[in-house]
Amino acid sequence: MENNQYIDIFIEESQEHIENLNSNLLLLENDPKNRQIIDEIFRSAHTLKGMAATMGFENMNKLAHKMEDVLQEVKNG
């Protein structure tokens, strides 16, 4: 597979996870203690972090890692 194909796949999958993040963050506003929503947001951030690291997109990797850190604090109370 050529690099352009990997980038196309990365963009497509990233868009799905970002849409998932956005919709779940909106749900979380109305139900801030909902653990299921928090876990879903965490999974999307974690997946984005891994995909970014794989592609060598360091800034996106760092941003997603910081999101994970914040979400872990939310999970821990």
PDB file of N, CA and C in Angstrom:
ATOM      1  N   MET A   1       0.843  -1.180   0.000  1.00  0.00           N
ATOM      2  CA  MET A   1       0.000   0.000   0.000  1.00  0.00           C
ATOM      3  C   MET A   1       0.888   1.242   0.000  1.00  0.00           C
ATOM      4  N   GLU A   2       0.540   2.223  -0.791  1.00  0.00           N
ATOM      5  CA  GLU A   2       1.313   3.460  -0.849  1.00  0.00           C
ATOM      6  C   GLU A   2       0.975   4.358   0.339  1.00  0.00           C
ATOM      7  N   ASN A   3       1.898   5.284   0.644  1.00  0.00           N
ATOM      8  CA  ASN A   3       1.686   6.204   1.757  1.00  0.00           C
ATOM      9  C   ASN A   3       0.385   6.975   1.629  1.00  0.00           C
ATOM     10  N   ASN A   4       0.048   7.393   0.403  1.00  0.00           N
ATOM     11  CA  ASN A   4      -1.196   8.144   0.201  1.00  0.00           C
ATOM     12  C   ASN A   4      -2.414   7.330   0.613  1.00  0.00           C
ATOM     13  N   GLN A   5      -2.370   6.031   0.375  1.00  0.00           N
ATOM     14  CA  GLN A   5      -3.484   5.175   0.775  1.00  0.00           C
ATOM     15  C   GLN A   5      -3.586   5.099   2.293  1.00  0.00           C
ATOM     16  N   TYR A   6      -2.448   5.026   2.973  1.00  0.00           N
ATOM     17  CA  TYR A   6      -2.457   5.018   4.434  1.00  0.00           C
ATOM     18  C   TYR A   6      -3.013   6.332   4.972  1.00  0.00           C
ATOM     19  N   ILE A   7      -2.621   7.427   4.357  1.00  0.00           N
ATOM     20  CA  ILE A   7      -3.112   8.731   4.797  1.00  0.00           C
ATOM     21  C   ILE A   7      -4.613   8.831   4.577  1.00  0.00           C
ATOM     22  N   ASP A   8      -5.095   8.340   3.456  1.00  0.00           N
ATOM     23  CA  ASP A   8      -6.540   8.356   3.198  1.00  0.00           C
ATOM     24  C   ASP A   8      -7.297   7.553   4.253  1.00  0.00           C
ATOM     25  N   ILE A   9      -6.782   6.392   4.592  1.00  0.00           N
ATOM     26  CA  ILE A   9      -7.406   5.559   5.629  1.00  0.00           C
ATOM     27  C   ILE A   9      -7.348   6.274   6.973  1.00  0.00           C
ATOM     28  N   PHE A  10      -6.202   6.860   7.282  1.00  0.00           N
ATOM     29  CA  PHE A  10      -6.046   7.596   8.536  1.00  0.00           C
ATOM     30  C   PHE A  10      -7.068   8.724   8.630  1.00  0.00           C
ATOM     31  N   ILE A  11      -7.211   9.495   7.565  1.00  0.00           N
ATOM     32  CA  ILE A  11      -8.148  10.623   7.565  1.00  0.00           C
ATOM     33  C   ILE A  11      -9.580  10.127   7.758  1.00  0.00           C
ATOM     34  N   GLU A  12      -9.941   9.103   7.036  1.00  0.00           N
ATOM     35  CA  GLU A  12     -11.305   8.568   7.136  1.00  0.00           C
ATOM     36  C   GLU A  12     -11.606   8.070   8.553  1.00  0.00           C
ATOM     37  N   GLU A  13     -10.697   7.289   9.105  1.00  0.00           N
ATOM     38  CA  GLU A  13     -10.919   6.749  10.445  1.00  0.00           C
ATOM     39  C   GLU A  13     -10.847   7.841  11.506  1.00  0.00           C
ATOM     40  N   SER A  14      -9.969   8.802  11.330  1.00  0.00           N
ATOM     41  CA  SER A  14      -9.870   9.913  12.278  1.00  0.00           C
ATOM     42  C   SER A  14     -11.160  10.721  12.300  1.00  0.00           C
ATOM     43  N   GLN A  15     -11.715  10.963  11.131  1.00  0.00           N
ATOM     44  CA  GLN A  15     -12.971  11.714  11.060  1.00  0.00           C
ATOM     45  C   GLN A  15     -14.076  10.994  11.827  1.00  0.00           C
ATOM     46  N   GLU A  16     -14.131   9.685  11.707  1.00  0.00           N
ATOM     47  CA  GLU A  16     -15.137   8.909  12.439  1.00  0.00           C
ATOM     48  C   GLU A  16     -14.952   9.064  13.944  1.00  0.00           C
ATOM     49  N   HIS A  17     -13.710   8.980  14.405  1.00  0.00           N
ATOM     50  CA  HIS A  17     -13.450   9.089  15.845  1.00  0.00           C
ATOM     51  C   HIS A  17     -13.692  10.513  16.349  1.00  0.00           C
ATOM     52  N   ILE A  18     -13.380  11.497  15.549  1.00  0.00           N
ATOM     53  CA  ILE A  18     -13.624  12.888  15.943  1.00  0.00           C
ATOM     54  C   ILE A  18     -15.128  13.158  16.011  1.00  0.00           C
ATOM     55  N   GLU A  19     -15.889  12.631  15.065  1.00  0.00           N
ATOM     56  CA  GLU A  19     -17.348  12.761  15.120  1.00  0.00           C
ATOM     57  C   GLU A  19     -17.895  12.080  16.368  1.00  0.00           C
ATOM     58  N   ASN A  20     -17.347  10.919  16.689  1.00  0.00           N
ATOM     59  CA  ASN A  20     -17.750  10.204  17.896  1.00  0.00           C
ATOM     60  C   ASN A  20     -17.421  11.025  19.145  1.00  0.00           C
ATOM     61  N   LEU A  21     -16.231  11.609  19.168  1.00  0.00           N
ATOM     62  CA  LEU A  21     -15.856  12.476  20.288  1.00  0.00           C
ATOM     63  C   LEU A  21     -16.836  13.632  20.435  1.00  0.00           C
ATOM     64  N   ASN A  22     -17.117  14.308  19.345  1.00  0.00           N
ATOM     65  CA  ASN A  22     -18.016  15.465  19.387  1.00  0.00           C
ATOM     66  C   ASN A  22     -19.402  15.090  19.889  1.00  0.00           C
ATOM     67  N   SER A  23     -19.972  14.039  19.346  1.00  0.00           N
ATOM     68  CA  SER A  23     -21.329  13.668  19.755  1.00  0.00           C
ATOM     69  C   SER A  23     -21.364  13.216  21.210  1.00  0.00           C
ATOM     70  N   ASN A  24     -20.345  12.485  21.647  1.00  0.00           N
ATOM     71  CA  ASN A  24     -20.315  12.039  23.040  1.00  0.00           C
ATOM     72  C   ASN A  24     -20.025  13.176  24.012  1.00  0.00           C
ATOM     73  N   LEU A  25     -19.238  14.152  23.598  1.00  0.00           N
ATOM     74  CA  LEU A  25     -19.019  15.315  24.465  1.00  0.00           C
ATOM     75  C   LEU A  25     -20.314  16.095  24.659  1.00  0.00           C
ATOM     76  N   LEU A  26     -21.118  16.185  23.617  1.00  0.00           N
ATOM     77  CA  LEU A  26     -22.419  16.842  23.748  1.00  0.00           C
ATOM     78  C   LEU A  26     -23.324  16.061  24.699  1.00  0.00           C
ATOM     79  N   LEU A  27     -23.313  14.742  24.594  1.00  0.00           N
ATOM     80  CA  LEU A  27     -24.098  13.917  25.515  1.00  0.00           C
ATOM     81  C   LEU A  27     -23.606  14.074  26.949  1.00  0.00           C
ATOM     82  N   LEU A  28     -22.298  14.171  27.106  1.00  0.00           N
ATOM     83  CA  LEU A  28     -21.709  14.290  28.438  1.00  0.00           C
ATOM     84  C   LEU A  28     -22.105  15.599  29.117  1.00  0.00           C
ATOM     85  N   GLU A  29     -22.327  16.643  28.339  1.00  0.00           N
ATOM     86  CA  GLU A  29     -22.779  17.916  28.915  1.00  0.00           C
ATOM     87  C   GLU A  29     -24.087  17.741  29.673  1.00  0.00           C
ATOM     88  N   ASN A  30     -24.963  16.889  29.160  1.00  0.00           N
ATOM     89  CA  ASN A  30     -26.265  16.668  29.791  1.00  0.00           C
ATOM     90  C   ASN A  30     -26.233  15.597  30.873  1.00  0.00           C
ATOM     91  N   ASP A  31     -25.182  14.811  30.901  1.00  0.00           N
ATOM     92  CA  ASP A  31     -25.077  13.712  31.864  1.00  0.00           C
ATOM     93  C   ASP A  31     -23.611  13.524  32.255  1.00  0.00           C
ATOM     94  N   PRO A  32     -23.049  14.496  33.002  1.00  0.00           N
ATOM     95  CA  PRO A  32     -21.600  14.510  33.246  1.00  0.00           C
ATOM     96  C   PRO A  32     -21.048  13.337  34.061  1.00  0.00           C
ATOM     97  N   LYS A  33     -21.891  12.571  34.709  1.00  0.00           N
ATOM     98  CA  LYS A  33     -21.404  11.446  35.517  1.00  0.00           C
ATOM     99  C   LYS A  33     -21.534  10.106  34.787  1.00  0.00           C
ATOM    100  N   ASN A  34     -21.998  10.141  33.543  1.00  0.00           N
ATOM    101  CA  ASN A  34     -22.243   8.910  32.796  1.00  0.00           C
ATOM    102  C   ASN A  34     -20.920   8.250  32.409  1.00  0.00           C
ATOM    103  N   ARG A  35     -20.606   7.182  33.110  1.00  0.00           N
ATOM    104  CA  ARG A  35     -19.326   6.483  32.929  1.00  0.00           C
ATOM    105  C   ARG A  35     -19.198   5.880  31.529  1.00  0.00           C
ATOM    106  N   GLN A  36     -20.318   5.414  30.995  1.00  0.00           N
ATOM    107  CA  GLN A  36     -20.299   4.802  29.663  1.00  0.00           C
ATOM    108  C   GLN A  36     -19.869   5.820  28.600  1.00  0.00           C
ATOM    109  N   ILE A  37     -20.380   7.037  28.704  1.00  0.00           N
ATOM    110  CA  ILE A  37     -20.014   8.092  27.755  1.00  0.00           C
ATOM    111  C   ILE A  37     -18.540   8.448  27.917  1.00  0.00           C
ATOM    112  N   ILE A  38     -18.098   8.571  29.152  1.00  0.00           N
ATOM    113  CA  ILE A  38     -16.695   8.901  29.424  1.00  0.00           C
ATOM    114  C   ILE A  38     -15.779   7.823  28.845  1.00  0.00           C
ATOM    115  N   ASP A  39     -16.147   6.565  29.034  1.00  0.00           N
ATOM    116  CA  ASP A  39     -15.344   5.459  28.490  1.00  0.00           C
ATOM    117  C   ASP A  39     -15.297   5.504  26.964  1.00  0.00           C
ATOM    118  N   GLU A  40     -16.421   5.834  26.346  1.00  0.00           N
ATOM    119  CA  GLU A  40     -16.475   5.914  24.884  1.00  0.00           C
ATOM    120  C   GLU A  40     -15.570   7.045  24.373  1.00  0.00           C
ATOM    121  N   ILE A  41     -15.592   8.181  25.055  1.00  0.00           N
ATOM    122  CA  ILE A  41     -14.729   9.308  24.684  1.00  0.00           C
ATOM    123  C   ILE A  41     -13.259   8.906  24.848  1.00  0.00           C
ATOM    124  N   PHE A  42     -12.953   8.236  25.955  1.00  0.00           N
ATOM    125  CA  PHE A  42     -11.586   7.791  26.215  1.00  0.00           C
ATOM    126  C   PHE A  42     -11.105   6.849  25.110  1.00  0.00           C
ATOM    127  N   ARG A  43     -11.966   5.907  24.703  1.00  0.00           N
ATOM    128  CA  ARG A  43     -11.573   4.960  23.648  1.00  0.00           C
ATOM    129  C   ARG A  43     -11.268   5.677  22.337  1.00  0.00           C
ATOM    130  N   SER A  44     -12.088   6.666  22.005  1.00  0.00           N
ATOM    131  CA  SER A  44     -11.837   7.413  20.766  1.00  0.00           C
ATOM    132  C   SER A  44     -10.515   8.169  20.849  1.00  0.00           C
ATOM    133  N   ALA A  45     -10.263   8.812  21.989  1.00  0.00           N
ATOM    134  CA  ALA A  45      -9.005   9.546  22.161  1.00  0.00           C
ATOM    135  C   ALA A  45      -7.819   8.583  22.095  1.00  0.00           C
ATOM    136  N   HIS A  46      -7.962   7.428  22.731  1.00  0.00           N
ATOM    137  CA  HIS A  46      -6.888   6.435  22.737  1.00  0.00           C
ATOM    138  C   HIS A  46      -6.599   5.922  21.320  1.00  0.00           C
ATOM    139  N   THR A  47      -7.648   5.668  20.576  1.00  0.00           N
ATOM    140  CA  THR A  47      -7.486   5.191  19.201  1.00  0.00           C
ATOM    141  C   THR A  47      -6.830   6.254  18.333  1.00  0.00           C
ATOM    142  N   LEU A  48      -7.273   7.501  18.481  1.00  0.00           N
ATOM    143  CA  LEU A  48      -6.659   8.597  17.724  1.00  0.00           C
ATOM    144  C   LEU A  48      -5.174   8.725  18.056  1.00  0.00           C
ATOM    145  N   LYS A  49      -4.854   8.577  19.340  1.00  0.00           N
ATOM    146  CA  LYS A  49      -3.448   8.659  19.764  1.00  0.00           C
ATOM    147  C   LYS A  49      -2.621   7.574  19.086  1.00  0.00           C
ATOM    148  N   GLY A  50      -3.111   6.360  19.098  1.00  0.00           N
ATOM    149  CA  GLY A  50      -2.384   5.252  18.488  1.00  0.00           C
ATOM    150  C   GLY A  50      -2.226   5.407  16.984  1.00  0.00           C
ATOM    151  N   MET A  51      -3.299   5.834  16.338  1.00  0.00           N
ATOM    152  CA  MET A  51      -3.229   6.031  14.887  1.00  0.00           C
ATOM    153  C   MET A  51      -2.237   7.143  14.545  1.00  0.00           C
ATOM    154  N   ALA A  52      -2.267   8.231  15.309  1.00  0.00           N
ATOM    155  CA  ALA A  52      -1.356   9.350  15.052  1.00  0.00           C
ATOM    156  C   ALA A  52       0.095   8.920  15.263  1.00  0.00           C
ATOM    157  N   ALA A  53       0.339   8.151  16.319  1.00  0.00           N
ATOM    158  CA  ALA A  53       1.700   7.675  16.582  1.00  0.00           C
ATOM    159  C   ALA A  53       2.183   6.778  15.446  1.00  0.00           C
ATOM    160  N   THR A  54       1.316   5.912  14.974  1.00  0.00           N
ATOM    161  CA  THR A  54       1.664   5.011  13.878  1.00  0.00           C
ATOM    162  C   THR A  54       2.043   5.781  12.618  1.00  0.00           C
ATOM    163  N   MET A  55       1.320   6.863  12.370  1.00  0.00           N
ATOM    164  CA  MET A  55       1.563   7.663  11.166  1.00  0.00           C
ATOM    165  C   MET A  55       2.706   8.664  11.352  1.00  0.00           C
ATOM    166  N   GLY A  56       3.189   8.819  12.590  1.00  0.00           N
ATOM    167  CA  GLY A  56       4.263   9.768  12.850  1.00  0.00           C
ATOM    168  C   GLY A  56       3.780  11.200  13.015  1.00  0.00           C
ATOM    169  N   PHE A  57       2.494  11.375  13.322  1.00  0.00           N
ATOM    170  CA  PHE A  57       1.922  12.708  13.522  1.00  0.00           C
ATOM    171  C   PHE A  57       2.042  13.071  15.002  1.00  0.00           C
ATOM    172  N   GLU A  58       3.216  13.572  15.370  1.00  0.00           N
ATOM    173  CA  GLU A  58       3.564  13.772  16.771  1.00  0.00           C
ATOM    174  C   GLU A  58       2.644  14.767  17.486  1.00  0.00           C
ATOM    175  N   ASN A  59       2.308  15.880  16.848  1.00  0.00           N
ATOM    176  CA  ASN A  59       1.448  16.866  17.509  1.00  0.00           C
ATOM    177  C   ASN A  59       0.071  16.292  17.825  1.00  0.00           C
ATOM    178  N   MET A  60      -0.489  15.567  16.898  1.00  0.00           N
ATOM    179  CA  MET A  60      -1.797  14.950  17.136  1.00  0.00           C
ATOM    180  C   MET A  60      -1.690  13.875  18.212  1.00  0.00           C
ATOM    181  N   ASN A  61      -0.609  13.136  18.197  1.00  0.00           N
ATOM    182  CA  ASN A  61      -0.365  12.128  19.219  1.00  0.00           C
ATOM    183  C   ASN A  61      -0.317  12.778  20.604  1.00  0.00           C
ATOM    184  N   LYS A  62       0.398  13.880  20.727  1.00  0.00           N
ATOM    185  CA  LYS A  62       0.504  14.583  22.012  1.00  0.00           C
ATOM    186  C   LYS A  62      -0.848  15.121  22.466  1.00  0.00           C
ATOM    187  N   LEU A  63      -1.610  15.683  21.536  1.00  0.00           N
ATOM    188  CA  LEU A  63      -2.932  16.219  21.870  1.00  0.00           C
ATOM    189  C   LEU A  63      -3.855  15.107  22.364  1.00  0.00           C
ATOM    190  N   ALA A  64      -3.888  14.004  21.655  1.00  0.00           N
ATOM    191  CA  ALA A  64      -4.740  12.885  22.059  1.00  0.00           C
ATOM    192  C   ALA A  64      -4.284  12.315  23.397  1.00  0.00           C
ATOM    193  N   HIS A  65      -2.977  12.303  23.644  1.00  0.00           N
ATOM    194  CA  HIS A  65      -2.457  11.827  24.926  1.00  0.00           C
ATOM    195  C   HIS A  65      -2.922  12.737  26.060  1.00  0.00           C
ATOM    196  N   LYS A  66      -2.899  14.039  25.844  1.00  0.00           N
ATOM    197  CA  LYS A  66      -3.384  14.981  26.862  1.00  0.00           C
ATOM    198  C   LYS A  66      -4.880  14.786  27.110  1.00  0.00           C
ATOM    199  N   MET A  67      -5.631  14.500  26.050  1.00  0.00           N
ATOM    200  CA  MET A  67      -7.057  14.214  26.217  1.00  0.00           C
ATOM    201  C   MET A  67      -7.239  12.981  27.101  1.00  0.00           C
ATOM    202  N   GLU A  68      -6.445  11.963  26.860  1.00  0.00           N
ATOM    203  CA  GLU A  68      -6.501  10.756  27.692  1.00  0.00           C
ATOM    204  C   GLU A  68      -6.207  11.087  29.150  1.00  0.00           C
ATOM    205  N   ASP A  69      -5.193  11.907  29.387  1.00  0.00           N
ATOM    206  CA  ASP A  69      -4.835  12.282  30.756  1.00  0.00           C
ATOM    207  C   ASP A  69      -5.999  12.968  31.462  1.00  0.00           C
ATOM    208  N   VAL A  70      -6.635  13.911  30.777  1.00  0.00           N
ATOM    209  CA  VAL A  70      -7.769  14.635  31.363  1.00  0.00           C
ATOM    210  C   VAL A  70      -8.924  13.668  31.630  1.00  0.00           C
ATOM    211  N   LEU A  71      -9.205  12.820  30.669  1.00  0.00           N
ATOM    212  CA  LEU A  71     -10.303  11.867  30.834  1.00  0.00           C
ATOM    213  C   LEU A  71     -10.014  10.873  31.954  1.00  0.00           C
ATOM    214  N   GLN A  72      -8.763  10.505  32.129  1.00  0.00           N
ATOM    215  CA  GLN A  72      -8.408   9.606  33.236  1.00  0.00           C
ATOM    216  C   GLN A  72      -8.673  10.293  34.571  1.00  0.00           C
ATOM    217  N   GLU A  73      -8.379  11.581  34.661  1.00  0.00           N
ATOM    218  CA  GLU A  73      -8.683  12.331  35.882  1.00  0.00           C
ATOM    219  C   GLU A  73     -10.180  12.380  36.130  1.00  0.00           C
ATOM    220  N   VAL A  74     -10.958  12.570  35.069  1.00  0.00           N
ATOM    221  CA  VAL A  74     -12.420  12.571  35.195  1.00  0.00           C
ATOM    222  C   VAL A  74     -12.894  11.204  35.686  1.00  0.00           C
ATOM    223  N   LYS A  75     -12.330  10.143  35.134  1.00  0.00           N
ATOM    224  CA  LYS A  75     -12.707   8.789  35.551  1.00  0.00           C
ATOM    225  C   LYS A  75     -12.393   8.551  37.028  1.00  0.00           C
ATOM    226  N   ASN A  76     -11.263   9.080  37.473  1.00  0.00           N
ATOM    227  CA  ASN A  76     -10.824   8.873  38.855  1.00  0.00           C
ATOM    228  C   ASN A  76     -11.559   9.760  39.849  1.00  0.00           C
ATOM    229  N   GLY A  77     -12.314  10.715  39.321  1.00  0.00           N
ATOM    230  CA  GLY A  77     -13.090  11.607  40.186  1.00  0.00           C
ATOM    231  C   GLY A  77     -12.283  12.762  40.577  1.00  0.00           C
TER     232      GLY A  77
END
